[in-house]
């Protein structure tokens, strides 16, 4: 068993680490200053576009796509450590490299299931970073952790689909650069197979009947850097039937295909957040004195730092194993591990961030450090892409089957 990264991964890691040091970290305060001066908080700061141009110039672009026709041609195992690095600056680096959710998942869907016209109209500008997108599935009136519950209707009327429903926490939808929604709804609500009732359709943002009603806050934060999380109403919205992705009844299967790689991306970025938190903990510990000695010499602080390091090393190995399995036996073969990382990683990283906040005292909950905002993002991932309990239920059933 060889734990070393291959030559391509090492080369990309070196380039990305240098890009982070030279461009991304210095841009963090600049982006905040520029955003405060914008006419709308949802507009993109100029420094973000500068970062995107530099990343593209250096070949640090669309790293998440394994298909060389569209992306860097990296495997999941090769991309995972790069996602970790971008997670150290989660509100800038993924966007700068065109590797930010929900665009990543939407590009994967279009690349895998879209037809040529859909790819030309929507995938190409997404790949170029010219537009943003949103994925509209979650609904406020049903338990959307069970995708069979969604109530949005997609009804056929001649050569058009008519879409009626209300969605919320639709990431990216507040951004004026968001031009397209992938909407999941039911084309056959009375179908016998509950997993063949759903379909996905492309809905341009400027289609009559689409209303972006409000920005939803996350622990009090409005996630400006990712285009917010919106409540969106679809009031008898009409689109051509050619906007269907794949086939009618294929929406549930497409959603499952979308989630596997997305969970790897989320978990590796979370590990990057944890690494940034450990770095901040150590810097704080050696620079502050309390009760007559540096915090670094306080036993409880040493325990926090040691436990954080052990946890991160464990998580990284599990996520890398999962990425390797996805490359070698596919998403289905890696199902147990995909669920395991989705359960373990956010939970553990939230705990590390909580200790880092505690170590920073009042500063930890302030805007002067990234910890509070990153904590909110990490805690949210215990709900996003399926809450922990859904994965625990499925994983336990698979384990119990061995004994029945």
Protein backbone atom coordinates (compact mmCIF):
# COMPACT_ATOMS: atom_id res chain seq x y z
CA UNK A 1 0.00 0.00 0.00
CA UNK A 2 1.57 3.26 -1.20
CA UNK A 3 0.45 6.45 0.54
CA UNK A 4 2.52 8.79 -1.62
CA UNK A 5 0.83 11.11 -4.12
CA UNK A 6 1.66 10.41 -7.75
CA UNK A 7 3.78 12.80 -9.83
CA UNK A 8 0.80 14.62 -11.38
CA UNK A 9 -0.80 15.22 -8.00
CA UNK A 10 2.46 16.48 -6.49
CA UNK A 11 2.92 18.87 -9.42
CA UNK A 12 -0.62 20.24 -9.09
CA UNK A 13 -0.34 20.50 -5.31
CA UNK A 14 2.84 22.55 -5.59
CA UNK A 15 1.26 24.91 -8.12
CA UNK A 16 -1.91 25.28 -6.08
CA UNK A 17 -0.11 25.85 -2.78
CA UNK A 18 1.98 28.59 -4.42
CA UNK A 19 -1.18 30.13 -5.91
CA UNK A 20 -2.81 30.16 -2.47
CA UNK A 21 0.21 31.84 -0.83
CA UNK A 22 0.83 34.38 -3.58
CA UNK A 23 -2.72 35.27 -4.58
CA UNK A 24 -5.57 33.80 -2.53
CA UNK A 25 -4.64 34.52 1.08
CA UNK A 26 -3.63 38.14 0.31
CA UNK A 27 -6.95 38.57 -1.52
CA UNK A 28 -9.11 37.60 1.47
CA UNK A 29 -9.14 41.03 3.16
CA UNK A 30 -9.28 42.76 -0.24
CA UNK A 31 -12.42 40.82 -1.18
CA UNK A 32 -14.10 41.83 2.08
CA UNK A 33 -13.27 45.51 1.54
CA UNK A 34 -14.45 45.46 -2.05
CA UNK A 35 -17.67 43.64 -1.18
CA UNK A 36 -18.52 46.25 1.44
CA UNK A 37 -18.24 48.96 -1.24
CA UNK A 38 -20.40 47.19 -3.86
CA UNK A 39 -23.85 48.45 -4.77
CA UNK A 40 -25.24 44.96 -4.10
CA UNK A 41 -23.69 42.47 -1.66
CA UNK A 42 -24.35 39.75 -4.24
CA UNK A 43 -22.12 41.32 -6.88
CA UNK A 44 -18.69 39.77 -7.43
CA UNK A 45 -15.68 41.73 -6.10
CA UNK A 46 -13.15 42.63 -8.77
CA UNK A 47 -10.39 40.71 -7.01
CA UNK A 48 -12.33 37.46 -7.50
CA UNK A 49 -12.32 37.93 -11.27
CA UNK A 50 -8.59 38.66 -11.08
CA UNK A 51 -8.04 35.42 -9.16
CA UNK A 52 -10.07 33.48 -11.73
CA UNK A 53 -8.01 34.90 -14.60
CA UNK A 54 -4.75 34.02 -12.85
CA UNK A 55 -5.91 30.51 -11.94
CA UNK A 56 -6.95 29.85 -15.51
CA UNK A 57 -3.64 31.21 -16.79
CA UNK A 58 -1.79 28.77 -14.51
CA UNK A 59 -3.92 25.78 -15.50
CA UNK A 60 -5.59 25.59 -12.08
CA UNK A 61 -9.06 25.45 -13.60
CA UNK A 62 -11.95 22.95 -13.56
CA UNK A 63 -9.76 20.58 -11.55
CA UNK A 64 -12.75 18.54 -10.37
CA UNK A 65 -13.82 17.19 -13.78
CA UNK A 66 -12.19 13.85 -14.65
CA UNK A 67 -13.13 14.11 -18.34
CA UNK A 68 -10.24 15.74 -20.22
CA UNK A 69 -12.72 17.15 -22.74
CA UNK A 70 -14.13 19.41 -20.04
CA UNK A 71 -11.70 19.49 -17.13
CA UNK A 72 -8.22 18.68 -15.90
CA UNK A 73 -8.65 14.93 -16.34
CA UNK A 74 -7.79 14.16 -12.72
CA UNK A 75 -9.11 11.10 -10.90
CA UNK A 76 -11.00 11.49 -7.64
CA UNK A 77 -7.86 10.40 -5.80
CA UNK A 78 -5.77 13.04 -7.59
CA UNK A 79 -8.29 15.81 -7.09
CA UNK A 80 -9.02 15.12 -3.41
CA UNK A 81 -5.81 16.68 -1.99
CA UNK A 82 -6.32 19.71 -4.24
CA UNK A 83 -9.85 20.18 -2.89
CA UNK A 84 -8.34 20.07 0.60
CA UNK A 85 -6.01 22.94 -0.26
CA UNK A 86 -8.87 25.09 -1.59
CA UNK A 87 -10.80 24.36 1.60
CA UNK A 88 -8.26 26.44 3.52
CA UNK A 89 -9.90 29.51 1.96
CA UNK A 90 -13.41 28.17 1.30
CA UNK A 91 -14.96 31.48 0.29
CA UNK A 92 -12.36 32.33 -2.35
CA UNK A 93 -10.25 29.43 -3.59
CA UNK A 94 -13.01 27.14 -4.95
CA UNK A 95 -14.54 30.03 -6.91
CA UNK A 96 -11.13 31.20 -8.11
CA UNK A 97 -10.41 27.77 -9.62
CA UNK A 98 -13.97 27.26 -10.94
CA UNK A 99 -14.39 24.39 -8.50
CA UNK A 100 -17.17 25.82 -6.33
CA UNK A 101 -20.48 24.17 -5.51
CA UNK A 102 -23.17 24.08 -6.76
CA UNK A 103 -21.59 24.74 -10.17
CA UNK A 104 -19.35 21.68 -9.88
CA UNK A 105 -22.27 19.30 -9.45
CA UNK A 106 -24.28 21.02 -12.16
CA UNK A 107 -21.40 20.81 -14.61
CA UNK A 108 -21.02 17.12 -13.80
CA UNK A 109 -24.73 16.58 -14.49
CA UNK A 110 -24.59 18.41 -17.82
CA UNK A 111 -21.37 16.69 -18.87
CA UNK A 112 -22.77 13.25 -18.06
CA UNK A 113 -26.46 13.57 -18.89
CA UNK A 114 -26.94 16.71 -20.99
CA UNK A 115 -27.46 16.63 -24.75
CA UNK A 116 -25.24 18.51 -27.16
CA UNK A 117 -27.47 21.59 -27.31
CA UNK A 118 -27.62 21.81 -23.50
CA UNK A 119 -23.86 21.47 -23.27
CA UNK A 120 -23.36 24.21 -25.84
CA UNK A 121 -25.77 26.64 -24.21
CA UNK A 122 -25.03 26.05 -20.53
CA UNK A 123 -22.07 23.77 -19.88
CA UNK A 124 -19.58 25.71 -22.01
CA UNK A 125 -20.14 29.09 -20.28
CA UNK A 126 -20.06 27.35 -16.89
CA UNK A 127 -16.75 25.72 -17.78
CA UNK A 128 -15.43 29.12 -18.81
CA UNK A 129 -16.54 30.69 -15.51
CA UNK A 130 -18.67 33.21 -17.39
CA UNK A 131 -21.91 32.35 -15.55
CA UNK A 132 -23.01 30.64 -12.34
CA UNK A 133 -25.82 28.13 -11.76
CA UNK A 134 -28.08 26.73 -9.04
CA UNK A 135 -29.57 23.34 -8.19
CA UNK A 136 -33.18 23.58 -7.04
CA UNK A 137 -34.34 20.55 -5.06
CA UNK A 138 -34.91 21.40 -1.37
CA UNK A 139 -38.42 22.53 -0.42
CA UNK A 140 -39.65 24.23 2.78
CA UNK A 141 -42.92 22.31 3.11
CA UNK A 142 -41.65 18.72 3.00
CA UNK A 143 -38.76 16.72 4.43
CA UNK A 144 -36.49 17.06 1.42
CA UNK A 145 -33.92 14.71 2.93
CA UNK A 146 -36.22 12.13 1.32
CA UNK A 147 -36.20 13.22 -2.33
CA UNK A 148 -39.36 11.21 -3.01
CA UNK A 149 -41.24 13.79 -0.91
CA UNK A 150 -40.71 16.78 -3.20
CA UNK A 151 -43.95 18.37 -4.41
CA UNK A 152 -42.85 20.65 -7.25
CA UNK A 153 -44.78 19.62 -10.37
CA UNK A 154 -43.34 19.43 -13.87
CA UNK A 155 -46.38 18.93 -16.13
CA UNK A 156 -46.19 18.38 -19.85
CA UNK A 157 -48.30 20.68 -22.03
CA UNK A 158 -47.64 20.01 -25.68
CA UNK A 159 -44.06 20.97 -26.45
CA UNK A 160 -43.54 22.61 -23.06
CA UNK A 161 -43.17 21.69 -19.41
CA UNK A 162 -45.07 23.77 -16.87
CA UNK A 163 -43.26 24.00 -13.51
CA UNK A 164 -45.01 24.92 -10.27
CA UNK A 165 -43.38 24.81 -6.86
CA UNK A 166 -41.46 26.56 -4.11
CA UNK A 167 -37.83 25.84 -3.27
CA UNK A 168 -35.47 27.22 -0.64
CA UNK A 169 -31.80 27.18 0.33
CA UNK A 170 -31.02 27.18 -3.37
CA UNK A 171 -27.29 27.90 -3.27
CA UNK A 172 -25.95 30.48 -5.69
CA UNK A 173 -29.35 31.82 -6.73
CA UNK A 174 -28.87 35.31 -5.26
CA UNK A 175 -25.89 36.00 -7.53
CA UNK A 176 -26.67 38.11 -10.62
CA UNK A 177 -24.24 35.79 -12.43
CA UNK A 178 -26.58 32.83 -11.83
CA UNK A 179 -28.24 32.33 -15.21
CA UNK A 180 -29.57 28.78 -15.04
CA UNK A 181 -31.40 26.53 -12.57
CA UNK A 182 -31.49 22.76 -12.64
CA UNK A 183 -34.92 22.10 -11.14
CA UNK A 184 -35.97 18.74 -9.72
CA UNK A 185 -39.68 18.03 -9.64
CA UNK A 186 -42.25 15.35 -10.34
CA UNK A 187 -43.32 14.54 -13.89
CA UNK A 188 -45.23 11.44 -12.73
CA UNK A 189 -46.45 12.09 -9.16
CA UNK A 190 -48.73 9.04 -9.20
CA UNK A 191 -46.18 6.62 -10.64
CA UNK A 192 -45.88 3.20 -9.07
CA UNK A 193 -42.12 3.44 -8.52
CA UNK A 194 -41.50 6.36 -6.17
CA UNK A 195 -37.94 6.72 -7.50
CA UNK A 196 -39.11 7.12 -11.10
CA UNK A 197 -41.51 10.00 -10.45
CA UNK A 198 -38.86 12.75 -10.54
CA UNK A 199 -37.22 14.53 -13.45
CA UNK A 200 -34.76 17.40 -13.89
CA UNK A 201 -35.28 20.33 -16.22
CA UNK A 202 -33.21 23.38 -17.11
CA UNK A 203 -34.88 26.67 -16.27
CA UNK A 204 -33.19 29.95 -17.30
CA UNK A 205 -33.34 32.49 -14.50
CA UNK A 206 -35.08 35.11 -16.67
CA UNK A 207 -37.98 32.79 -17.55
CA UNK A 208 -41.38 34.40 -16.72
CA UNK A 209 -42.76 33.04 -13.47
CA UNK A 210 -39.38 32.55 -11.80
CA UNK A 211 -39.14 34.71 -8.67
CA UNK A 212 -36.07 34.79 -6.44
CA UNK A 213 -37.98 35.84 -3.35
CA UNK A 214 -35.34 36.31 -0.63
CA UNK A 215 -31.92 35.31 0.66
CA UNK A 216 -31.96 32.64 3.36
CA UNK A 217 -29.47 33.13 6.18
CA UNK A 218 -27.28 30.39 7.60
CA UNK A 219 -26.66 30.85 11.34
CA UNK A 220 -27.24 34.56 10.72
CA UNK A 221 -24.80 34.76 7.79
CA UNK A 222 -25.64 35.62 4.21
CA UNK A 223 -23.17 33.64 2.12
CA UNK A 224 -22.22 36.37 -0.33
CA UNK A 225 -19.13 34.59 -1.62
CA UNK A 226 -21.14 31.65 -2.98
CA UNK A 227 -24.07 33.65 -4.27
CA UNK A 228 -26.28 33.15 -1.25
CA UNK A 229 -28.98 30.60 -0.53
CA UNK A 230 -32.32 31.72 -1.93
CA UNK A 231 -35.99 30.99 -1.68
CA UNK A 232 -37.25 30.62 -5.25
CA UNK A 233 -40.85 30.37 -6.49
CA UNK A 234 -41.76 28.75 -9.81
CA UNK A 235 -45.25 29.96 -10.76
CA UNK A 236 -46.41 28.04 -13.84
CA UNK A 237 -43.02 28.49 -15.45
CA UNK A 238 -42.90 27.28 -19.04
CA UNK A 239 -39.81 25.80 -20.71
CA UNK A 240 -39.43 23.70 -23.88
CA UNK A 241 -39.48 19.93 -23.42
CA UNK A 242 -35.95 19.98 -24.87
CA UNK A 243 -34.87 21.41 -21.50
CA UNK A 244 -35.38 17.99 -19.91
CA UNK A 245 -32.08 16.50 -18.71
CA UNK A 246 -31.84 12.84 -19.61
CA UNK A 247 -35.22 11.12 -19.58
CA UNK A 248 -38.49 11.55 -17.74
CA UNK A 249 -38.31 9.69 -14.46
CA UNK A 250 -34.51 9.83 -14.39
CA UNK A 251 -34.19 12.68 -11.90
CA UNK A 252 -33.64 10.55 -8.80
CA UNK A 253 -30.86 8.54 -10.43
CA UNK A 254 -29.19 11.71 -11.74
CA UNK A 255 -29.31 13.22 -8.24
CA UNK A 256 -27.60 10.17 -6.79
CA UNK A 257 -24.89 10.30 -9.46
CA UNK A 258 -24.36 13.98 -8.66
CA UNK A 259 -23.94 13.44 -4.93
CA UNK A 260 -21.07 10.92 -4.87
CA UNK A 261 -18.30 13.18 -6.19
CA UNK A 262 -19.85 16.15 -4.40
CA UNK A 263 -19.41 14.49 -1.04
CA UNK A 264 -15.73 13.83 -1.74
CA UNK A 265 -15.31 17.52 -2.64
CA UNK A 266 -17.14 18.71 0.48
CA UNK A 267 -15.23 16.40 2.81
CA UNK A 268 -11.79 17.27 1.45
CA UNK A 269 -12.56 20.99 1.63
CA UNK A 270 -13.69 20.43 5.22
CA UNK A 271 -10.32 18.87 6.00
CA UNK A 272 -8.71 22.00 4.55
CA UNK A 273 -10.88 24.10 6.87
CA UNK A 274 -9.69 21.98 9.79
CA UNK A 275 -6.06 22.45 8.77
CA UNK A 276 -6.58 26.23 8.65
CA UNK A 277 -8.18 26.05 12.10
CA UNK A 278 -5.22 24.11 13.53
CA UNK A 279 -2.83 26.68 12.08
CA UNK A 280 -4.84 29.50 13.68
CA UNK A 281 -4.94 27.62 16.99
CA UNK A 282 -1.18 27.20 17.03
CA UNK A 283 -0.50 30.84 16.11
CA UNK A 284 -2.89 32.01 18.81
CA UNK A 285 -1.46 29.63 21.40
CA UNK A 286 2.12 30.83 20.99
CA UNK A 287 1.18 34.53 20.89
CA UNK A 288 -1.13 34.80 23.93
CA UNK A 289 -0.44 34.53 27.67
CA UNK A 290 -3.01 33.66 30.32
CA UNK A 291 -2.57 32.86 34.00
CA UNK A 292 1.15 33.42 33.92
CA UNK A 293 2.22 31.34 30.92
CA UNK A 294 1.63 31.11 27.16
CA UNK A 295 -1.53 29.35 26.06
CA UNK A 296 0.73 26.88 24.24
CA UNK A 297 1.90 25.63 27.63
CA UNK A 298 -1.61 25.11 28.99
CA UNK A 299 -2.36 21.39 29.09
CA UNK A 300 -5.93 21.69 27.80
CA UNK A 301 -4.74 23.66 24.76
CA UNK A 302 -2.09 21.07 24.00
CA UNK A 303 -4.78 18.37 24.19
CA UNK A 304 -7.01 20.27 21.77
CA UNK A 305 -4.20 20.66 19.24
CA UNK A 306 -3.06 17.05 19.54
CA UNK A 307 -6.61 15.68 19.21
CA UNK A 308 -7.22 17.90 16.18
CA UNK A 309 -4.10 16.60 14.44
CA UNK A 310 -5.04 12.96 15.11
CA UNK A 311 -8.59 13.55 13.86
CA UNK A 312 -7.49 15.23 10.64
CA UNK A 313 -5.05 12.44 9.82
CA UNK A 314 -7.78 9.84 10.35
CA UNK A 315 -10.32 11.71 8.26
CA UNK A 316 -7.91 12.28 5.40
CA UNK A 317 -7.09 8.58 5.13
CA UNK A 318 -10.77 7.64 5.07
CA UNK A 319 -11.62 10.23 2.41
CA UNK A 320 -8.65 9.26 0.24
CA UNK A 321 -9.64 5.59 0.52
CA UNK A 322 -13.15 6.55 -0.61
CA UNK A 323 -11.79 8.52 -3.56
CA UNK A 324 -9.64 5.52 -4.56
CA UNK A 325 -12.64 3.19 -4.37
CA UNK A 326 -14.73 5.55 -6.51
CA UNK A 327 -11.98 5.46 -9.13
CA UNK A 328 -11.57 1.67 -9.03
CA UNK A 329 -15.02 0.21 -8.32
CA UNK A 330 -17.34 3.17 -8.93
CA UNK A 331 -19.78 5.09 -6.74
CA UNK A 332 -21.89 2.03 -6.03
CA UNK A 333 -18.89 0.03 -4.87
CA UNK A 334 -17.83 2.90 -2.62
CA UNK A 335 -21.32 3.49 -1.21
CA UNK A 336 -20.48 2.56 2.37
CA UNK A 337 -17.36 4.71 2.43
CA UNK A 338 -19.12 7.68 0.81
CA UNK A 339 -21.71 7.58 3.57
CA UNK A 340 -19.03 7.10 6.22
CA UNK A 341 -17.08 10.23 5.20
CA UNK A 342 -20.29 12.26 5.01
CA UNK A 343 -21.13 11.24 8.58
CA UNK A 344 -17.65 11.53 10.09
CA UNK A 345 -16.08 14.57 8.44
CA UNK A 346 -18.46 17.47 9.14
CA UNK A 347 -19.04 16.26 12.70
CA UNK A 348 -15.32 16.07 13.49
CA UNK A 349 -14.41 19.32 11.75
CA UNK A 350 -17.16 21.18 13.60
CA UNK A 351 -15.59 19.99 16.86
CA UNK A 352 -12.12 21.20 15.78
CA UNK A 353 -13.52 24.59 14.75
CA UNK A 354 -15.37 24.84 18.06
CA UNK A 355 -12.08 24.36 19.97
CA UNK A 356 -10.36 26.91 17.73
CA UNK A 357 -13.12 29.43 18.45
CA UNK A 358 -12.79 28.76 22.17
CA UNK A 359 -9.04 29.33 22.01
CA UNK A 360 -9.57 32.70 20.30
CA UNK A 361 -12.06 33.88 22.92
CA UNK A 362 -14.19 36.81 21.76
CA UNK A 363 -12.11 37.00 18.59
CA UNK A 364 -13.27 33.53 17.65
CA UNK A 365 -16.88 34.64 17.19
CA UNK A 366 -15.95 37.92 15.49
CA UNK A 367 -15.49 38.89 11.86
CA UNK A 368 -11.76 39.42 12.47
CA UNK A 369 -11.08 35.69 12.07
CA UNK A 370 -12.66 33.25 9.59
CA UNK A 371 -13.57 30.73 12.28
CA UNK A 372 -17.18 31.68 13.00
CA UNK A 373 -18.23 31.86 9.36
CA UNK A 374 -16.41 28.63 8.52
CA UNK A 375 -18.03 26.97 11.55
CA UNK A 376 -21.46 27.91 10.17
CA UNK A 377 -20.57 26.43 6.79
CA UNK A 378 -19.21 23.20 8.31
CA UNK A 379 -22.20 22.76 10.63
CA UNK A 380 -24.53 23.22 7.67
CA UNK A 381 -22.86 20.29 5.91
CA UNK A 382 -24.29 18.01 8.60
CA UNK A 383 -27.59 18.76 6.82
CA UNK A 384 -26.63 19.42 3.20
CA UNK A 385 -26.46 16.53 0.70
CA UNK A 386 -28.58 14.50 3.11
CA UNK A 387 -28.53 14.85 6.91
CA UNK A 388 -26.27 12.60 8.95
CA UNK A 389 -29.19 10.52 10.19
CA UNK A 390 -30.19 9.48 6.64
CA UNK A 391 -26.68 8.18 5.98
CA UNK A 392 -26.53 6.47 9.38
CA UNK A 393 -29.84 4.73 8.69
CA UNK A 394 -28.69 3.44 5.32
CA UNK A 395 -25.26 2.44 6.56
CA UNK A 396 -26.69 0.56 9.55
CA UNK A 397 -29.11 -1.34 7.33
CA UNK A 398 -26.25 -2.45 5.10
CA UNK A 399 -24.28 -3.67 8.11
CA UNK A 400 -27.26 -5.49 9.61
CA UNK A 401 -27.98 -7.33 6.35
CA UNK A 402 -24.82 -9.35 6.95
CA UNK A 403 -26.45 -10.95 9.99
CA UNK A 404 -30.00 -11.50 8.77
